[in-house]
C-alpha atoms as a PDB file:
ATOM      1  CA  MET A   1     109.942  67.347  93.955  1.00  0.00           C
ATOM      2  CA  SER A   2     112.581  70.080  94.046  1.00  0.00           C
ATOM      3  CA  ARG A   3     110.622  72.888  92.414  1.00  0.00           C
ATOM      4  CA  PHE A   4     107.078  74.162  92.116  1.00  0.00           C
ATOM      5  CA  GLU A   5     104.956  76.229  89.782  1.00  0.00           C
ATOM      6  CA  PHE A   6     101.395  77.493  89.650  1.00  0.00           C
ATOM      7  CA  GLU A   7      99.188  80.128  88.058  1.00  0.00           C
ATOM      8  CA  VAL A   8      96.433  82.332  89.506  1.00  0.00           C
ATOM      9  CA  SER A   9      94.106  84.556  87.413  1.00  0.00           C
ATOM     10  CA  SER A  10      91.348  87.032  88.170  1.00  0.00           C
ATOM     11  CA  ARG A  11      88.881  88.858  85.941  1.00  0.00           C
ATOM     12  CA  LEU A  12      88.585  92.410  87.275  1.00  0.00           C
ATOM     13  CA  SER A  13      86.072  95.114  86.425  1.00  0.00           C
ATOM     14  CA  ALA A  14      88.627  97.905  86.141  1.00  0.00           C
ATOM     15  CA  PRO A  15      90.572  99.113  83.102  1.00  0.00           C
ATOM     16  CA  ALA A  16      93.874  97.335  82.464  1.00  0.00           C
ATOM     17  CA  ASP A  17      95.937 100.539  82.746  1.00  0.00           C
ATOM     18  CA  THR A  18      94.460 101.304  86.201  1.00  0.00           C
ATOM     19  CA  VAL A  19      95.232  97.800  87.470  1.00  0.00           C
ATOM     20  CA  TRP A  20      98.703  97.919  85.880  1.00  0.00           C
ATOM     21  CA  ARG A  21      99.568 101.164  87.727  1.00  0.00           C
ATOM     22  CA  HIS A  22      98.411  99.527  90.964  1.00  0.00           C
ATOM     23  CA  ALA A  23     100.371  96.318  90.264  1.00  0.00           C
ATOM     24  CA  THR A  24     103.672  98.113  89.643  1.00  0.00           C
ATOM     25  CA  ARG A  25     103.534 100.416  92.679  1.00  0.00           C
ATOM     26  CA  MET A  26     105.047  99.101  95.898  1.00  0.00           C
ATOM     27  CA  GLY A  27     101.998 100.393  97.778  1.00  0.00           C
ATOM     28  CA  GLY A  28      99.834  98.270  95.476  1.00  0.00           C
ATOM     29  CA  VAL A  29     102.034  95.203  95.987  1.00  0.00           C
ATOM     30  CA  ASN A  30     101.761  95.594  99.753  1.00  0.00           C
ATOM     31  CA  ALA A  31      97.996  96.184  99.576  1.00  0.00           C
ATOM     32  CA  GLU A  32      97.692  92.870  97.723  1.00  0.00           C
ATOM     33  CA  LEU A  33      99.820  91.038 100.299  1.00  0.00           C
ATOM     34  CA  PHE A  34      98.032  92.552 103.334  1.00  0.00           C
ATOM     35  CA  PRO A  35      97.770  91.342 106.081  1.00  0.00           C
ATOM     36  CA  LEU A  36     100.043  88.338 105.515  1.00  0.00           C
ATOM     37  CA  VAL A  37     103.308  90.076 104.617  1.00  0.00           C
ATOM     38  CA  ARG A  38     104.794  93.403 103.610  1.00  0.00           C
ATOM     39  CA  MET A  39     107.743  93.948 101.289  1.00  0.00           C
ATOM     40  CA  THR A  40     110.230  96.715 102.035  1.00  0.00           C
ATOM     41  CA  HIS A  41     111.605  99.014  99.343  1.00  0.00           C
ATOM     42  CA  PRO A  42     114.034 101.927  99.180  1.00  0.00           C
ATOM     43  CA  ARG A  43     112.708 105.357 100.113  1.00  0.00           C
ATOM     44  CA  GLY A  44     111.647 107.281  97.055  1.00  0.00           C
ATOM     45  CA  LEU A  45     111.035 104.162  94.969  1.00  0.00           C
ATOM     46  CA  GLU A  46     107.274 104.026  94.754  1.00  0.00           C
ATOM     47  CA  SER A  47     106.937 102.234  91.416  1.00  0.00           C
ATOM     48  CA  LEU A  48     108.863  99.346  89.901  1.00  0.00           C
ATOM     49  CA  ALA A  49     109.119 101.512  86.789  1.00  0.00           C
ATOM     50  CA  ASP A  50     111.220 103.947  88.919  1.00  0.00           C
ATOM     51  CA  ARG A  51     113.912 101.361  89.615  1.00  0.00           C
ATOM     52  CA  ALA A  52     117.481 102.529  89.049  1.00  0.00           C
ATOM     53  CA  ALA A  53     118.955  99.192  87.943  1.00  0.00           C
ATOM     54  CA  PRO A  54     118.821  98.113  84.303  1.00  0.00           C
ATOM     55  CA  LEU A  55     116.781  95.053  83.378  1.00  0.00           C
ATOM     56  CA  GLY A  56     118.526  91.860  84.454  1.00  0.00           C
ATOM     57  CA  GLU A  57     120.326  93.478  87.398  1.00  0.00           C
ATOM     58  CA  ARG A  58     119.204  93.572  91.015  1.00  0.00           C
ATOM     59  CA  ALA A  59     117.091  96.676  91.574  1.00  0.00           C
ATOM     60  CA  PHE A  60     117.076  96.379  95.375  1.00  0.00           C
ATOM     61  CA  ARG A  61     116.782  93.930  98.255  1.00  0.00           C
ATOM     62  CA  SER A  62     113.277  93.714  99.649  1.00  0.00           C
ATOM     63  CA  TRP A  63     112.802  92.206 103.085  1.00  0.00           C
ATOM     64  CA  ILE A  64     109.609  90.199 103.424  1.00  0.00           C
ATOM     65  CA  LEU A  65     108.041  90.901 106.804  1.00  0.00           C
ATOM     66  CA  LEU A  66     105.481  88.486 108.242  1.00  0.00           C
ATOM     67  CA  PHE A  67     102.430  90.504 109.332  1.00  0.00           C
ATOM     68  CA  GLY A  68     104.492  93.573 108.372  1.00  0.00           C
ATOM     69  CA  LEU A  69     106.862  93.108 111.319  1.00  0.00           C
ATOM     70  CA  VAL A  70     108.990  89.936 111.409  1.00  0.00           C
ATOM     71  CA  PRO A  71     111.621  89.368 108.675  1.00  0.00           C
ATOM     72  CA  ILE A  72     111.120  85.893 107.195  1.00  0.00           C
ATOM     73  CA  ASP A  73     112.812  86.146 103.779  1.00  0.00           C
ATOM     74  CA  TYR A  74     114.313  88.583 101.322  1.00  0.00           C
ATOM     75  CA  ASP A  75     113.907  89.077  97.597  1.00  0.00           C
ATOM     76  CA  ASP A  76     116.802  90.478  95.538  1.00  0.00           C
ATOM     77  CA  LEU A  77     114.262  91.982  93.165  1.00  0.00           C
ATOM     78  CA  THR A  78     115.490  91.641  89.581  1.00  0.00           C
ATOM     79  CA  LEU A  79     113.234  92.521  86.673  1.00  0.00           C
ATOM     80  CA  VAL A  80     114.238  90.881  83.402  1.00  0.00           C
ATOM     81  CA  GLU A  81     111.278  92.165  81.361  1.00  0.00           C
ATOM     82  CA  LEU A  82     109.058  95.177  81.916  1.00  0.00           C
ATOM     83  CA  ALA A  83     106.518  96.496  79.422  1.00  0.00           C
ATOM     84  CA  PRO A  84     103.032  97.936  79.842  1.00  0.00           C
ATOM     85  CA  GLY A  85     100.825  95.070  80.991  1.00  0.00           C
ATOM     86  CA  ARG A  86     103.634  92.587  81.692  1.00  0.00           C
ATOM     87  CA  PHE A  87     106.620  92.098  83.914  1.00  0.00           C
ATOM     88  CA  LEU A  88     108.899  89.163  84.553  1.00  0.00           C
ATOM     89  CA  GLU A  89     110.871  89.055  87.777  1.00  0.00           C
ATOM     90  CA  ARG A  90     113.638  86.469  88.109  1.00  0.00           C
ATOM     91  CA  SER A  91     115.247  86.860  91.520  1.00  0.00           C
ATOM     92  CA  PRO A  92     117.167  84.904  94.114  1.00  0.00           C
ATOM     93  CA  MET A  93     115.655  84.884  97.579  1.00  0.00           C
ATOM     94  CA  LEU A  94     116.962  83.731 100.938  1.00  0.00           C
ATOM     95  CA  THR A  95     114.795  80.592 100.744  1.00  0.00           C
ATOM     96  CA  GLN A  96     114.560  80.231  96.951  1.00  0.00           C
ATOM     97  CA  ARG A  97     117.497  79.559  94.644  1.00  0.00           C
ATOM     98  CA  LEU A  98     115.335  80.892  91.823  1.00  0.00           C
ATOM     99  CA  TRP A  99     112.088  82.835  92.094  1.00  0.00           C
ATOM    100  CA  GLU A 100     110.281  83.677  88.879  1.00  0.00           C
ATOM    101  CA  HIS A 101     107.128  85.788  88.950  1.00  0.00           C
ATOM    102  CA  GLU A 102     105.430  86.813  85.735  1.00  0.00           C
ATOM    103  CA  ARG A 103     102.409  89.094  85.875  1.00  0.00           C
ATOM    104  CA  THR A 104     100.234  90.054  82.946  1.00  0.00           C
ATOM    105  CA  VAL A 105      97.353  92.511  82.927  1.00  0.00           C
ATOM    106  CA  GLU A 106      95.332  92.151  79.723  1.00  0.00           C
ATOM    107  CA  PRO A 107      92.247  94.112  78.649  1.00  0.00           C
ATOM    108  CA  SER A 108      89.066  92.048  78.555  1.00  0.00           C
ATOM    109  CA  GLY A 109      85.751  93.653  77.665  1.00  0.00           C
ATOM    110  CA  ALA A 110      84.991  96.388  80.212  1.00  0.00           C
ATOM    111  CA  GLY A 111      87.790  95.218  82.522  1.00  0.00           C
ATOM    112  CA  CYS A 112      90.915  93.128  82.494  1.00  0.00           C
ATOM    113  CA  VAL A 113      92.408  89.772  83.391  1.00  0.00           C
ATOM    114  CA  VAL A 114      95.353  89.630  85.808  1.00  0.00           C
ATOM    115  CA  THR A 115      97.452  86.478  85.712  1.00  0.00           C
ATOM    116  CA  ASP A 116     100.375  85.585  87.953  1.00  0.00           C
ATOM    117  CA  ARG A 117     102.643  82.698  86.981  1.00  0.00           C
ATOM    118  CA  ILE A 118     105.088  81.474  89.607  1.00  0.00           C
ATOM    119  CA  ARG A 119     108.019  79.122  89.104  1.00  0.00           C
ATOM    120  CA  SER A 120     110.489  78.508  91.893  1.00  0.00           C
ATOM    121  CA  THR A 121     113.312  76.285  93.039  1.00  0.00           C
ATOM    122  CA  PRO A 122     113.799  76.270  96.816  1.00  0.00           C
ATOM    123  CA  ARG A 123     117.310  76.122  98.228  1.00  0.00           C
ATOM    124  CA  ILE A 124     116.204  73.057 100.222  1.00  0.00           C
ATOM    125  CA  GLY A 125     114.573  70.813  97.607  1.00  0.00           C
ATOM    126  CA  PRO A 126     112.500  68.594  99.916  1.00  0.00           C
ATOM    127  CA  LEU A 127     110.685  71.717 101.204  1.00  0.00           C
ATOM    128  CA  ALA A 128     109.317  72.525  97.730  1.00  0.00           C
ATOM    129  CA  PRO A 129     105.779  71.239  98.561  1.00  0.00           C
ATOM    130  CA  VAL A 130     105.683  73.390 101.711  1.00  0.00           C
ATOM    131  CA  PHE A 131     106.958  76.515  99.945  1.00  0.00           C
ATOM    132  CA  GLY A 132     104.645  75.825  97.011  1.00  0.00           C
ATOM    133  CA  ALA A 133     101.623  75.689  99.323  1.00  0.00           C
ATOM    134  CA  VAL A 134     102.634  78.857 101.221  1.00  0.00           C
ATOM    135  CA  PHE A 135     103.300  80.882  98.079  1.00  0.00           C
ATOM    136  CA  HIS A 136     100.118  79.614  96.431  1.00  0.00           C
ATOM    137  CA  LEU A 137      98.173  80.771  99.503  1.00  0.00           C
ATOM    138  CA  ALA A 138      99.908  84.183  99.331  1.00  0.00           C
ATOM    139  CA  PHE A 139      98.944  84.622  95.672  1.00  0.00           C
ATOM    140  CA  ARG A 140      95.366  83.532  96.301  1.00  0.00           C
ATOM    141  CA  LEU A 141      95.286  86.261  98.984  1.00  0.00           C
ATOM    142  CA  ARG A 142      96.738  88.762  96.493  1.00  0.00           C
ATOM    143  CA  HIS A 143      93.970  87.973  94.010  1.00  0.00           C
ATOM    144  CA  LEU A 144      91.293  88.109  96.704  1.00  0.00           C
ATOM    145  CA  ASN A 145      92.558  91.589  97.609  1.00  0.00           C
ATOM    146  CA  LEU A 146      92.592  92.579  93.910  1.00  0.00           C
ATOM    147  CA  ARG A 147      88.986  91.433  93.498  1.00  0.00           C
ATOM    148  CA  ARG A 148      87.962  93.350  96.632  1.00  0.00           C
ATOM    149  CA  ARG A 149      89.655  96.521  95.378  1.00  0.00           C
ATOM    150  CA  PHE A 150      88.593  96.451  91.712  1.00  0.00           C
ATOM    151  CA  GLY A 151      85.536  94.167  91.670  1.00  0.00           C
ATOM    152  CA  MET A 152      85.026  91.050  89.616  1.00  0.00           C
ATOM    153  CA  LEU A 153      84.245  91.132  85.914  1.00  0.00           C
ATOM    154  CA  ALA A 154      81.211  89.072  84.966  1.00  0.00           C
ATOM    155  CA  PRO A 155      82.048  86.098  82.721  1.00  0.00           C
END
């Protein structure tokens, strides 16, 4: 197996626009990833909507810091689609030849549904199961932190 993909969804009891603002701010991204990792970003760039690069071009390099301290990877963050309620990032990383992260935030009753879809091809193919497990854990943590922050929407 030389690639991996997975999807994680959460039903939140907050309005979609509130969750979307959180999801596109670097402070929100790092709150979701806490305490596992932190992603760096250029000073002054607080929201992905503030990026200077056009769609399809690298916006910036983000170092991924284990426990907020130790560099373990980087993400040449490249947004290829960005619209209210949806973004698609397709970026090279130090460890991943291709990293694709799609997030949607869709209204649902009194709240919303957040879905992350991940597709990736590691630079070292045989490590795909390991990277897949680590990234899946990281996104489960992100959704746990989202549910803690916004509450869960009853089914």
